[in-house]
Amino acid sequence: MTAAIEAQIERFAPGFGDCILARHTMTTQDYQRYNPNYIGGDINGGVQNWRQLFTRPVPRLNPYTTPLPHVFLCSSSTPPGGGVHGMCGFYAAQTAVRHVYHPQK
């Protein structure tokens, strides 16, 4: 797919190919060997459907909290899920700040 992706970018950004200094590609199996959590190369940790939006990684009112009072979770397993870059961390940080400044909420 590397060639097809580069050709599409080149179509809209002529000269893109001339800027490439090196390439590194991995198959899904390579990615799983690199990180065993990425089963089949899946960086999102499995299916993300409407049910899992509310129960992932565990069913909690606030998915960024943990049983430990000052430990918070941000990963692609928390809403809004992988591929929405930065938002899991943003929401986890909001939760942490809320717990620091408003511990009862």
PDB file of N, CA and C in Angstrom:
ATOM      1  N   MET A   1       0.807  -1.199   0.000  1.00  0.00           N
ATOM      2  CA  MET A   1       0.000   0.000   0.000  1.00  0.00           C
ATOM      3  C   MET A   1       0.854   1.269   0.000  1.00  0.00           C
ATOM      4  N   THR A   2       2.137   1.128   0.333  1.00  0.00           N
ATOM      5  CA  THR A   2       2.996   2.311   0.404  1.00  0.00           C
ATOM      6  C   THR A   2       2.982   3.089  -0.905  1.00  0.00           C
ATOM      7  N   ALA A   3       3.161   2.376  -2.014  1.00  0.00           N
ATOM      8  CA  ALA A   3       3.200   3.046  -3.316  1.00  0.00           C
ATOM      9  C   ALA A   3       1.871   3.727  -3.636  1.00  0.00           C
ATOM     10  N   ALA A   4       0.765   3.064  -3.326  1.00  0.00           N
ATOM     11  CA  ALA A   4      -0.552   3.637  -3.610  1.00  0.00           C
ATOM     12  C   ALA A   4      -0.796   4.889  -2.769  1.00  0.00           C
ATOM     13  N   ILE A   5      -0.404   4.847  -1.517  1.00  0.00           N
ATOM     14  CA  ILE A   5      -0.592   6.007  -0.638  1.00  0.00           C
ATOM     15  C   ILE A   5       0.282   7.168  -1.102  1.00  0.00           C
ATOM     16  N   GLU A   6       1.533   6.870  -1.408  1.00  0.00           N
ATOM     17  CA  GLU A   6       2.434   7.932  -1.872  1.00  0.00           C
ATOM     18  C   GLU A   6       1.962   8.523  -3.194  1.00  0.00           C
ATOM     19  N   ALA A   7       1.422   7.694  -4.077  1.00  0.00           N
ATOM     20  CA  ALA A   7       0.921   8.193  -5.359  1.00  0.00           C
ATOM     21  C   ALA A   7      -0.262   9.140  -5.140  1.00  0.00           C
ATOM     22  N   GLN A   8      -1.121   8.818  -4.195  1.00  0.00           N
ATOM     23  CA  GLN A   8      -2.272   9.679  -3.915  1.00  0.00           C
ATOM     24  C   GLN A   8      -1.810  11.013  -3.327  1.00  0.00           C
ATOM     25  N   ILE A   9      -0.855  10.977  -2.417  1.00  0.00           N
ATOM     26  CA  ILE A   9      -0.329  12.225  -1.859  1.00  0.00           C
ATOM     27  C   ILE A   9       0.345  13.034  -2.959  1.00  0.00           C
ATOM     28  N   GLU A  10       1.118  12.373  -3.795  1.00  0.00           N
ATOM     29  CA  GLU A  10       1.816  13.045  -4.902  1.00  0.00           C
ATOM     30  C   GLU A  10       0.818  13.719  -5.835  1.00  0.00           C
ATOM     31  N   ARG A  11      -0.327  13.102  -6.009  1.00  0.00           N
ATOM     32  CA  ARG A  11      -1.369  13.658  -6.879  1.00  0.00           C
ATOM     33  C   ARG A  11      -1.794  15.047  -6.413  1.00  0.00           C
ATOM     34  N   PHE A  12      -1.894  15.244  -5.107  1.00  0.00           N
ATOM     35  CA  PHE A  12      -2.341  16.518  -4.559  1.00  0.00           C
ATOM     36  C   PHE A  12      -1.198  17.416  -4.109  1.00  0.00           C
ATOM     37  N   ALA A  13      -0.020  16.815  -3.927  1.00  0.00           N
ATOM     38  CA  ALA A  13       1.156  17.589  -3.495  1.00  0.00           C
ATOM     39  C   ALA A  13       2.331  17.193  -4.377  1.00  0.00           C
ATOM     40  N   PRO A  14       2.352  17.693  -5.611  1.00  0.00           N
ATOM     41  CA  PRO A  14       3.432  17.331  -6.532  1.00  0.00           C
ATOM     42  C   PRO A  14       4.803  17.628  -5.914  1.00  0.00           C
ATOM     43  N   GLY A  15       5.718  16.678  -6.084  1.00  0.00           N
ATOM     44  CA  GLY A  15       7.050  16.819  -5.517  1.00  0.00           C
ATOM     45  C   GLY A  15       7.196  16.119  -4.182  1.00  0.00           C
ATOM     46  N   PHE A  16       6.086  15.612  -3.643  1.00  0.00           N
ATOM     47  CA  PHE A  16       6.134  14.909  -2.362  1.00  0.00           C
ATOM     48  C   PHE A  16       7.144  13.771  -2.397  1.00  0.00           C
ATOM     49  N   GLY A  17       7.107  12.979  -3.445  1.00  0.00           N
ATOM     50  CA  GLY A  17       8.006  11.823  -3.558  1.00  0.00           C
ATOM     51  C   GLY A  17       9.476  12.203  -3.511  1.00  0.00           C
ATOM     52  N   ASP A  18       9.811  13.377  -4.002  1.00  0.00           N
ATOM     53  CA  ASP A  18      11.205  13.833  -3.998  1.00  0.00           C
ATOM     54  C   ASP A  18      11.691  14.160  -2.588  1.00  0.00           C
ATOM     55  N   CYS A  19      10.772  14.349  -1.667  1.00  0.00           N
ATOM     56  CA  CYS A  19      11.128  14.704  -0.281  1.00  0.00           C
ATOM     57  C   CYS A  19      11.375  13.480   0.595  1.00  0.00           C
ATOM     58  N   ILE A  20      11.035  12.310   0.115  1.00  0.00           N
ATOM     59  CA  ILE A  20      11.173  11.099   0.925  1.00  0.00           C
ATOM     60  C   ILE A  20      12.629  10.672   0.952  1.00  0.00           C
ATOM     61  N   LEU A  21      13.192  10.615   2.156  1.00  0.00           N
ATOM     62  CA  LEU A  21      14.593  10.220   2.330  1.00  0.00           C
ATOM     63  C   LEU A  21      14.734   8.744   2.630  1.00  0.00           C
ATOM     64  N   ALA A  22      13.747   8.142   3.274  1.00  0.00           N
ATOM     65  CA  ALA A  22      13.801   6.719   3.629  1.00  0.00           C
ATOM     66  C   ALA A  22      12.382   6.234   3.892  1.00  0.00           C
ATOM     67  N   ARG A  23      12.222   4.932   3.887  1.00  0.00           N
ATOM     68  CA  ARG A  23      10.928   4.325   4.168  1.00  0.00           C
ATOM     69  C   ARG A  23      11.116   3.208   5.182  1.00  0.00           C
ATOM     70  N   HIS A  24      10.114   3.041   6.017  1.00  0.00           N
ATOM     71  CA  HIS A  24      10.076   1.908   6.936  1.00  0.00           C
ATOM     72  C   HIS A  24       8.638   1.431   6.969  1.00  0.00           C
ATOM     73  N   THR A  25       8.409   0.222   6.561  1.00  0.00           N
ATOM     74  CA  THR A  25       7.054  -0.311   6.566  1.00  0.00           C
ATOM     75  C   THR A  25       7.030  -1.577   7.417  1.00  0.00           C
ATOM     76  N   MET A  26       5.843  -1.869   7.936  1.00  0.00           N
ATOM     77  CA  MET A  26       5.651  -3.069   8.743  1.00  0.00           C
ATOM     78  C   MET A  26       4.349  -3.734   8.324  1.00  0.00           C
ATOM     79  N   THR A  27       4.354  -5.052   8.315  1.00  0.00           N
ATOM     80  CA  THR A  27       3.110  -5.786   8.090  1.00  0.00           C
ATOM     81  C   THR A  27       2.362  -5.846   9.419  1.00  0.00           C
ATOM     82  N   THR A  28       1.136  -6.309   9.380  1.00  0.00           N
ATOM     83  CA  THR A  28       0.386  -6.445  10.625  1.00  0.00           C
ATOM     84  C   THR A  28       1.073  -7.434  11.568  1.00  0.00           C
ATOM     85  N   GLN A  29       1.651  -8.486  11.017  1.00  0.00           N
ATOM     86  CA  GLN A  29       2.376  -9.448  11.852  1.00  0.00           C
ATOM     87  C   GLN A  29       3.615  -8.810  12.472  1.00  0.00           C
ATOM     88  N   ASP A  30       4.317  -7.990  11.696  1.00  0.00           N
ATOM     89  CA  ASP A  30       5.478  -7.266  12.234  1.00  0.00           C
ATOM     90  C   ASP A  30       5.054  -6.380  13.393  1.00  0.00           C
ATOM     91  N   TYR A  31       3.923  -5.715  13.238  1.00  0.00           N
ATOM     92  CA  TYR A  31       3.454  -4.793  14.269  1.00  0.00           C
ATOM     93  C   TYR A  31       3.089  -5.550  15.543  1.00  0.00           C
ATOM     94  N   GLN A  32       2.478  -6.713  15.387  1.00  0.00           N
ATOM     95  CA  GLN A  32       2.138  -7.526  16.554  1.00  0.00           C
ATOM     96  C   GLN A  32       3.400  -8.028  17.250  1.00  0.00           C
ATOM     97  N   ARG A  33       4.424  -8.388  16.488  1.00  0.00           N
ATOM     98  CA  ARG A  33       5.702  -8.786  17.100  1.00  0.00           C
ATOM     99  C   ARG A  33       6.338  -7.603  17.828  1.00  0.00           C
ATOM    100  N   TYR A  34       6.217  -6.429  17.260  1.00  0.00           N
ATOM    101  CA  TYR A  34       6.754  -5.209  17.866  1.00  0.00           C
ATOM    102  C   TYR A  34       6.068  -4.916  19.201  1.00  0.00           C
ATOM    103  N   ASN A  35       4.735  -5.077  19.223  1.00  0.00           N
ATOM    104  CA  ASN A  35       3.964  -4.863  20.448  1.00  0.00           C
ATOM    105  C   ASN A  35       2.864  -5.916  20.509  1.00  0.00           C
ATOM    106  N   PRO A  36       3.013  -6.930  21.354  1.00  0.00           N
ATOM    107  CA  PRO A  36       2.038  -8.021  21.419  1.00  0.00           C
ATOM    108  C   PRO A  36       0.612  -7.581  21.760  1.00  0.00           C
ATOM    109  N   ASN A  37       0.431  -6.370  22.256  1.00  0.00           N
ATOM    110  CA  ASN A  37      -0.921  -5.870  22.519  1.00  0.00           C
ATOM    111  C   ASN A  37      -1.669  -5.539  21.232  1.00  0.00           C
ATOM    112  N   TYR A  38      -0.929  -5.363  20.143  1.00  0.00           N
ATOM    113  CA  TYR A  38      -1.539  -5.007  18.855  1.00  0.00           C
ATOM    114  C   TYR A  38      -1.855  -6.283  18.077  1.00  0.00           C
ATOM    115  N   ILE A  39      -2.815  -7.041  18.554  1.00  0.00           N
ATOM    116  CA  ILE A  39      -3.148  -8.330  17.950  1.00  0.00           C
ATOM    117  C   ILE A  39      -3.601  -8.111  16.514  1.00  0.00           C
ATOM    118  N   GLY A  40      -2.920  -8.775  15.596  1.00  0.00           N
ATOM    119  CA  GLY A  40      -3.229  -8.619  14.181  1.00  0.00           C
ATOM    120  C   GLY A  40      -2.911  -7.234  13.652  1.00  0.00           C
ATOM    121  N   GLY A  41      -2.077  -6.482  14.380  1.00  0.00           N
ATOM    122  CA  GLY A  41      -1.716  -5.137  13.951  1.00  0.00           C
ATOM    123  C   GLY A  41      -2.720  -4.077  14.364  1.00  0.00           C
ATOM    124  N   ASP A  42      -3.707  -4.448  15.172  1.00  0.00           N
ATOM    125  CA  ASP A  42      -4.772  -3.530  15.580  1.00  0.00           C
ATOM    126  C   ASP A  42      -4.292  -2.602  16.690  1.00  0.00           C
ATOM    127  N   ILE A  43      -4.043  -1.343  16.364  1.00  0.00           N
ATOM    128  CA  ILE A  43      -3.542  -0.394  17.358  1.00  0.00           C
ATOM    129  C   ILE A  43      -4.643   0.122  18.273  1.00  0.00           C
ATOM    130  N   ASN A  44      -5.900  -0.194  17.980  1.00  0.00           N
ATOM    131  CA  ASN A  44      -7.011   0.274  18.804  1.00  0.00           C
ATOM    132  C   ASN A  44      -7.407  -0.714  19.890  1.00  0.00           C
ATOM    133  N   GLY A  45      -6.734  -1.838  19.978  1.00  0.00           N
ATOM    134  CA  GLY A  45      -7.057  -2.800  21.026  1.00  0.00           C
ATOM    135  C   GLY A  45      -8.379  -3.512  20.823  1.00  0.00           C
ATOM    136  N   GLY A  46      -8.751  -3.749  19.614  1.00  0.00           N
ATOM    137  CA  GLY A  46      -9.980  -4.491  19.332  1.00  0.00           C
ATOM    138  C   GLY A  46     -11.100  -3.611  18.830  1.00  0.00           C
ATOM    139  N   VAL A  47     -12.241  -4.230  18.635  1.00  0.00           N
ATOM    140  CA  VAL A  47     -13.399  -3.543  18.079  1.00  0.00           C
ATOM    141  C   VAL A  47     -13.832  -2.384  18.986  1.00  0.00           C
ATOM    142  N   GLN A  48     -14.273  -1.324  18.361  1.00  0.00           N
ATOM    143  CA  GLN A  48     -14.839  -0.199  19.103  1.00  0.00           C
ATOM    144  C   GLN A  48     -16.213   0.080  18.530  1.00  0.00           C
ATOM    145  N   ASN A  49     -17.214  -0.479  19.187  1.00  0.00           N
ATOM    146  CA  ASN A  49     -18.587  -0.269  18.738  1.00  0.00           C
ATOM    147  C   ASN A  49     -19.333   0.594  19.748  1.00  0.00           C
ATOM    148  N   TRP A  50     -20.613   0.836  19.536  1.00  0.00           N
ATOM    149  CA  TRP A  50     -21.373   1.740  20.411  1.00  0.00           C
ATOM    150  C   TRP A  50     -21.410   1.239  21.843  1.00  0.00           C
ATOM    151  N   ARG A  51     -21.488  -0.085  22.041  1.00  0.00           N
ATOM    152  CA  ARG A  51     -21.523  -0.643  23.394  1.00  0.00           C
ATOM    153  C   ARG A  51     -20.213  -0.374  24.124  1.00  0.00           C
ATOM    154  N   GLN A  52     -19.108  -0.570  23.415  1.00  0.00           N
ATOM    155  CA  GLN A  52     -17.811  -0.379  24.045  1.00  0.00           C
ATOM    156  C   GLN A  52     -17.490   1.093  24.293  1.00  0.00           C
ATOM    157  N   LEU A  53     -18.182   1.970  23.622  1.00  0.00           N
ATOM    158  CA  LEU A  53     -17.989   3.392  23.879  1.00  0.00           C
ATOM    159  C   LEU A  53     -18.268   3.708  25.347  1.00  0.00           C
ATOM    160  N   PHE A  54     -19.204   2.964  25.948  1.00  0.00           N
ATOM    161  CA  PHE A  54     -19.597   3.210  27.335  1.00  0.00           C
ATOM    162  C   PHE A  54     -19.013   2.205  28.332  1.00  0.00           C
ATOM    163  N   THR A  55     -18.388   1.143  27.848  1.00  0.00           N
ATOM    164  CA  THR A  55     -17.900   0.112  28.772  1.00  0.00           C
ATOM    165  C   THR A  55     -16.410  -0.157  28.638  1.00  0.00           C
ATOM    166  N   ARG A  56     -15.728   0.673  27.901  1.00  0.00           N
ATOM    167  CA  ARG A  56     -14.329   0.414  27.639  1.00  0.00           C
ATOM    168  C   ARG A  56     -13.458   1.422  28.350  1.00  0.00           C
ATOM    169  N   PRO A  57     -12.397   1.067  29.018  1.00  0.00           N
ATOM    170  CA  PRO A  57     -11.854  -0.281  29.167  1.00  0.00           C
ATOM    171  C   PRO A  57     -12.604  -1.115  30.204  1.00  0.00           C
ATOM    172  N   VAL A  58     -13.298  -0.462  31.140  1.00  0.00           N
ATOM    173  CA  VAL A  58     -14.178  -1.149  32.092  1.00  0.00           C
ATOM    174  C   VAL A  58     -15.406  -0.260  32.282  1.00  0.00           C
ATOM    175  N   PRO A  59     -16.539  -0.860  32.659  1.00  0.00           N
ATOM    176  CA  PRO A  59     -17.728  -0.022  32.873  1.00  0.00           C
ATOM    177  C   PRO A  59     -17.537   0.894  34.099  1.00  0.00           C
ATOM    178  N   ARG A  60     -17.409   2.167  33.873  1.00  0.00           N
ATOM    179  CA  ARG A  60     -17.272   3.169  34.943  1.00  0.00           C
ATOM    180  C   ARG A  60     -18.001   4.425  34.493  1.00  0.00           C
ATOM    181  N   LEU A  61     -18.512   5.187  35.452  1.00  0.00           N
ATOM    182  CA  LEU A  61     -19.157   6.449  35.087  1.00  0.00           C
ATOM    183  C   LEU A  61     -18.171   7.382  34.403  1.00  0.00           C
ATOM    184  N   ASN A  62     -16.930   7.385  34.871  1.00  0.00           N
ATOM    185  CA  ASN A  62     -15.877   8.184  34.235  1.00  0.00           C
ATOM    186  C   ASN A  62     -14.761   7.218  33.851  1.00  0.00           C
ATOM    187  N   PRO A  63     -14.615   6.899  32.573  1.00  0.00           N
ATOM    188  CA  PRO A  63     -13.660   5.883  32.140  1.00  0.00           C
ATOM    189  C   PRO A  63     -12.187   6.276  32.322  1.00  0.00           C
ATOM    190  N   TYR A  64     -11.925   7.509  32.703  1.00  0.00           N
ATOM    191  CA  TYR A  64     -10.544   7.965  32.874  1.00  0.00           C
ATOM    192  C   TYR A  64     -10.061   7.773  34.306  1.00  0.00           C
ATOM    193  N   THR A  65     -10.979   7.418  35.218  1.00  0.00           N
ATOM    194  CA  THR A  65     -10.605   7.174  36.606  1.00  0.00           C
ATOM    195  C   THR A  65     -10.238   5.711  36.789  1.00  0.00           C
ATOM    196  N   THR A  66      -9.539   5.434  37.883  1.00  0.00           N
ATOM    197  CA  THR A  66      -9.186   4.062  38.259  1.00  0.00           C
ATOM    198  C   THR A  66      -9.542   3.886  39.729  1.00  0.00           C
ATOM    199  N   PRO A  67      -9.457   2.676  40.252  1.00  0.00           N
ATOM    200  CA  PRO A  67      -9.722   2.498  41.683  1.00  0.00           C
ATOM    201  C   PRO A  67      -8.734   3.254  42.577  1.00  0.00           C
ATOM    202  N   LEU A  68      -7.586   3.613  42.049  1.00  0.00           N
ATOM    203  CA  LEU A  68      -6.609   4.393  42.812  1.00  0.00           C
ATOM    204  C   LEU A  68      -6.951   5.872  42.673  1.00  0.00           C
ATOM    205  N   PRO A  69      -7.070   6.592  43.774  1.00  0.00           N
ATOM    206  CA  PRO A  69      -7.606   7.965  43.723  1.00  0.00           C
ATOM    207  C   PRO A  69      -6.805   8.969  42.900  1.00  0.00           C
ATOM    208  N   HIS A  70      -5.516   8.804  42.755  1.00  0.00           N
ATOM    209  CA  HIS A  70      -4.723   9.794  42.013  1.00  0.00           C
ATOM    210  C   HIS A  70      -4.078   9.195  40.761  1.00  0.00           C
ATOM    211  N   VAL A  71      -4.674   8.135  40.246  1.00  0.00           N
ATOM    212  CA  VAL A  71      -4.189   7.501  39.019  1.00  0.00           C
ATOM    213  C   VAL A  71      -5.304   7.573  37.985  1.00  0.00           C
ATOM    214  N   PHE A  72      -4.969   8.110  36.826  1.00  0.00           N
ATOM    215  CA  PHE A  72      -5.945   8.291  35.760  1.00  0.00           C
ATOM    216  C   PHE A  72      -5.461   7.576  34.508  1.00  0.00           C
ATOM    217  N   LEU A  73      -6.384   7.251  33.642  1.00  0.00           N
ATOM    218  CA  LEU A  73      -6.078   6.452  32.466  1.00  0.00           C
ATOM    219  C   LEU A  73      -6.371   7.237  31.201  1.00  0.00           C
ATOM    220  N   CYS A  74      -5.402   7.257  30.289  1.00  0.00           N
ATOM    221  CA  CYS A  74      -5.672   7.772  28.953  1.00  0.00           C
ATOM    222  C   CYS A  74      -4.986   6.837  27.975  1.00  0.00           C
ATOM    223  N   SER A  75      -5.749   6.292  27.073  1.00  0.00           N
ATOM    224  CA  SER A  75      -5.222   5.396  26.046  1.00  0.00           C
ATOM    225  C   SER A  75      -6.274   5.277  24.959  1.00  0.00           C
ATOM    226  N   SER A  76      -5.939   4.572  23.907  1.00  0.00           N
ATOM    227  CA  SER A  76      -6.918   4.389  22.839  1.00  0.00           C
ATOM    228  C   SER A  76      -8.078   3.516  23.299  1.00  0.00           C
ATOM    229  N   SER A  77      -7.956   2.917  24.477  1.00  0.00           N
ATOM    230  CA  SER A  77      -9.058   2.123  25.014  1.00  0.00           C
ATOM    231  C   SER A  77     -10.096   2.976  25.723  1.00  0.00           C
ATOM    232  N   THR A  78      -9.805   4.252  25.929  1.00  0.00           N
ATOM    233  CA  THR A  78     -10.784   5.138  26.548  1.00  0.00           C
ATOM    234  C   THR A  78     -11.466   5.962  25.455  1.00  0.00           C
ATOM    235  N   PRO A  79     -12.678   6.448  25.732  1.00  0.00           N
ATOM    236  CA  PRO A  79     -13.370   7.261  24.732  1.00  0.00           C
ATOM    237  C   PRO A  79     -12.589   8.528  24.401  1.00  0.00           C
ATOM    238  N   PRO A  80     -12.598   9.020  23.216  1.00  0.00           N
ATOM    239  CA  PRO A  80     -13.377   8.578  22.074  1.00  0.00           C
ATOM    240  C   PRO A  80     -12.711   7.488  21.258  1.00  0.00           C
ATOM    241  N   GLY A  81     -11.636   6.909  21.744  1.00  0.00           N
ATOM    242  CA  GLY A  81     -11.016   5.771  21.068  1.00  0.00           C
ATOM    243  C   GLY A  81      -9.817   6.171  20.235  1.00  0.00           C
ATOM    244  N   GLY A  82      -9.163   5.162  19.714  1.00  0.00           N
ATOM    245  CA  GLY A  82      -7.981   5.377  18.885  1.00  0.00           C
ATOM    246  C   GLY A  82      -8.318   6.114  17.602  1.00  0.00           C
ATOM    247  N   GLY A  83      -7.374   6.830  17.078  1.00  0.00           N
ATOM    248  CA  GLY A  83      -7.577   7.573  15.844  1.00  0.00           C
ATOM    249  C   GLY A  83      -8.104   8.975  16.074  1.00  0.00           C
ATOM    250  N   VAL A  84      -8.506   9.286  17.296  1.00  0.00           N
ATOM    251  CA  VAL A  84      -8.945  10.638  17.633  1.00  0.00           C
ATOM    252  C   VAL A  84      -7.812  11.208  18.482  1.00  0.00           C
ATOM    253  N   HIS A  85      -6.721  11.492  17.832  1.00  0.00           N
ATOM    254  CA  HIS A  85      -5.450  11.784  18.479  1.00  0.00           C
ATOM    255  C   HIS A  85      -5.522  12.918  19.489  1.00  0.00           C
ATOM    256  N   GLY A  86      -5.078  12.588  20.691  1.00  0.00           N
ATOM    257  CA  GLY A  86      -4.975  13.575  21.741  1.00  0.00           C
ATOM    258  C   GLY A  86      -6.207  13.720  22.598  1.00  0.00           C
ATOM    259  N   MET A  87      -7.361  13.316  22.120  1.00  0.00           N
ATOM    260  CA  MET A  87      -8.589  13.546  22.870  1.00  0.00           C
ATOM    261  C   MET A  87      -8.677  12.681  24.118  1.00  0.00           C
ATOM    262  N   CYS A  88      -8.190  11.435  24.062  1.00  0.00           N
ATOM    263  CA  CYS A  88      -8.202  10.585  25.267  1.00  0.00           C
ATOM    264  C   CYS A  88      -7.388  11.256  26.368  1.00  0.00           C
ATOM    265  N   GLY A  89      -6.224  11.763  26.041  1.00  0.00           N
ATOM    266  CA  GLY A  89      -5.384  12.454  27.010  1.00  0.00           C
ATOM    267  C   GLY A  89      -6.006  13.753  27.482  1.00  0.00           C
ATOM    268  N   PHE A  90      -6.642  14.473  26.584  1.00  0.00           N
ATOM    269  CA  PHE A  90      -7.307  15.726  26.933  1.00  0.00           C
ATOM    270  C   PHE A  90      -8.390  15.481  27.974  1.00  0.00           C
ATOM    271  N   TYR A  91      -9.235  14.474  27.726  1.00  0.00           N
ATOM    272  CA  TYR A  91     -10.319  14.173  28.666  1.00  0.00           C
ATOM    273  C   TYR A  91      -9.779  13.608  29.978  1.00  0.00           C
ATOM    274  N   ALA A  92      -8.733  12.809  29.920  1.00  0.00           N
ATOM    275  CA  ALA A  92      -8.132  12.289  31.150  1.00  0.00           C
ATOM    276  C   ALA A  92      -7.532  13.435  31.965  1.00  0.00           C
ATOM    277  N   ALA A  93      -6.901  14.391  31.298  1.00  0.00           N
ATOM    278  CA  ALA A  93      -6.322  15.543  32.003  1.00  0.00           C
ATOM    279  C   ALA A  93      -7.429  16.385  32.636  1.00  0.00           C
ATOM    280  N   GLN A  94      -8.534  16.575  31.937  1.00  0.00           N
ATOM    281  CA  GLN A  94      -9.660  17.317  32.520  1.00  0.00           C
ATOM    282  C   GLN A  94     -10.166  16.615  33.778  1.00  0.00           C
ATOM    283  N   THR A  95     -10.249  15.301  33.725  1.00  0.00           N
ATOM    284  CA  THR A  95     -10.692  14.527  34.884  1.00  0.00           C
ATOM    285  C   THR A  95      -9.720  14.703  36.042  1.00  0.00           C
ATOM    286  N   ALA A  96      -8.426  14.607  35.761  1.00  0.00           N
ATOM    287  CA  ALA A  96      -7.410  14.747  36.810  1.00  0.00           C
ATOM    288  C   ALA A  96      -7.482  16.133  37.446  1.00  0.00           C
ATOM    289  N   VAL A  97      -7.597  17.159  36.642  1.00  0.00           N
ATOM    290  CA  VAL A  97      -7.668  18.529  37.165  1.00  0.00           C
ATOM    291  C   VAL A  97      -8.921  18.700  38.016  1.00  0.00           C
ATOM    292  N   ARG A  98     -10.035  18.168  37.543  1.00  0.00           N
ATOM    293  CA  ARG A  98     -11.277  18.243  38.305  1.00  0.00           C
ATOM    294  C   ARG A  98     -11.123  17.576  39.673  1.00  0.00           C
ATOM    295  N   HIS A  99     -10.460  16.429  39.702  1.00  0.00           N
ATOM    296  CA  HIS A  99     -10.269  15.702  40.962  1.00  0.00           C
ATOM    297  C   HIS A  99      -9.325  16.446  41.900  1.00  0.00           C
ATOM    298  N   VAL A 100      -8.378  17.179  41.366  1.00  0.00           N
ATOM    299  CA  VAL A 100      -7.447  17.936  42.211  1.00  0.00           C
ATOM    300  C   VAL A 100      -8.139  19.163  42.812  1.00  0.00           C
ATOM    301  N   TYR A 101      -8.885  19.897  41.974  1.00  0.00           N
ATOM    302  CA  TYR A 101      -9.485  21.147  42.426  1.00  0.00           C
ATOM    303  C   TYR A 101     -10.892  21.001  43.001  1.00  0.00           C
ATOM    304  N   HIS A 102     -11.541  19.897  42.681  1.00  0.00           N
ATOM    305  CA  HIS A 102     -12.904  19.638  43.177  1.00  0.00           C
ATOM    306  C   HIS A 102     -12.994  18.163  43.571  1.00  0.00           C
ATOM    307  N   PRO A 103     -12.318  17.743  44.638  1.00  0.00           N
ATOM    308  CA  PRO A 103     -12.212  16.323  44.979  1.00  0.00           C
ATOM    309  C   PRO A 103     -13.545  15.605  45.203  1.00  0.00           C
ATOM    310  N   GLN A 104     -14.602  16.323  45.506  1.00  0.00           N
ATOM    311  CA  GLN A 104     -15.892  15.675  45.774  1.00  0.00           C
ATOM    312  C   GLN A 104     -16.639  15.287  44.506  1.00  0.00           C
ATOM    313  N   LYS A 105     -16.275  15.866  43.369  1.00  0.00           N
ATOM    314  CA  LYS A 105     -17.017  15.611  42.129  1.00  0.00           C
ATOM    315  C   LYS A 105     -16.519  14.381  41.445  1.00  0.00           C
TER     316      LYS A 105
END
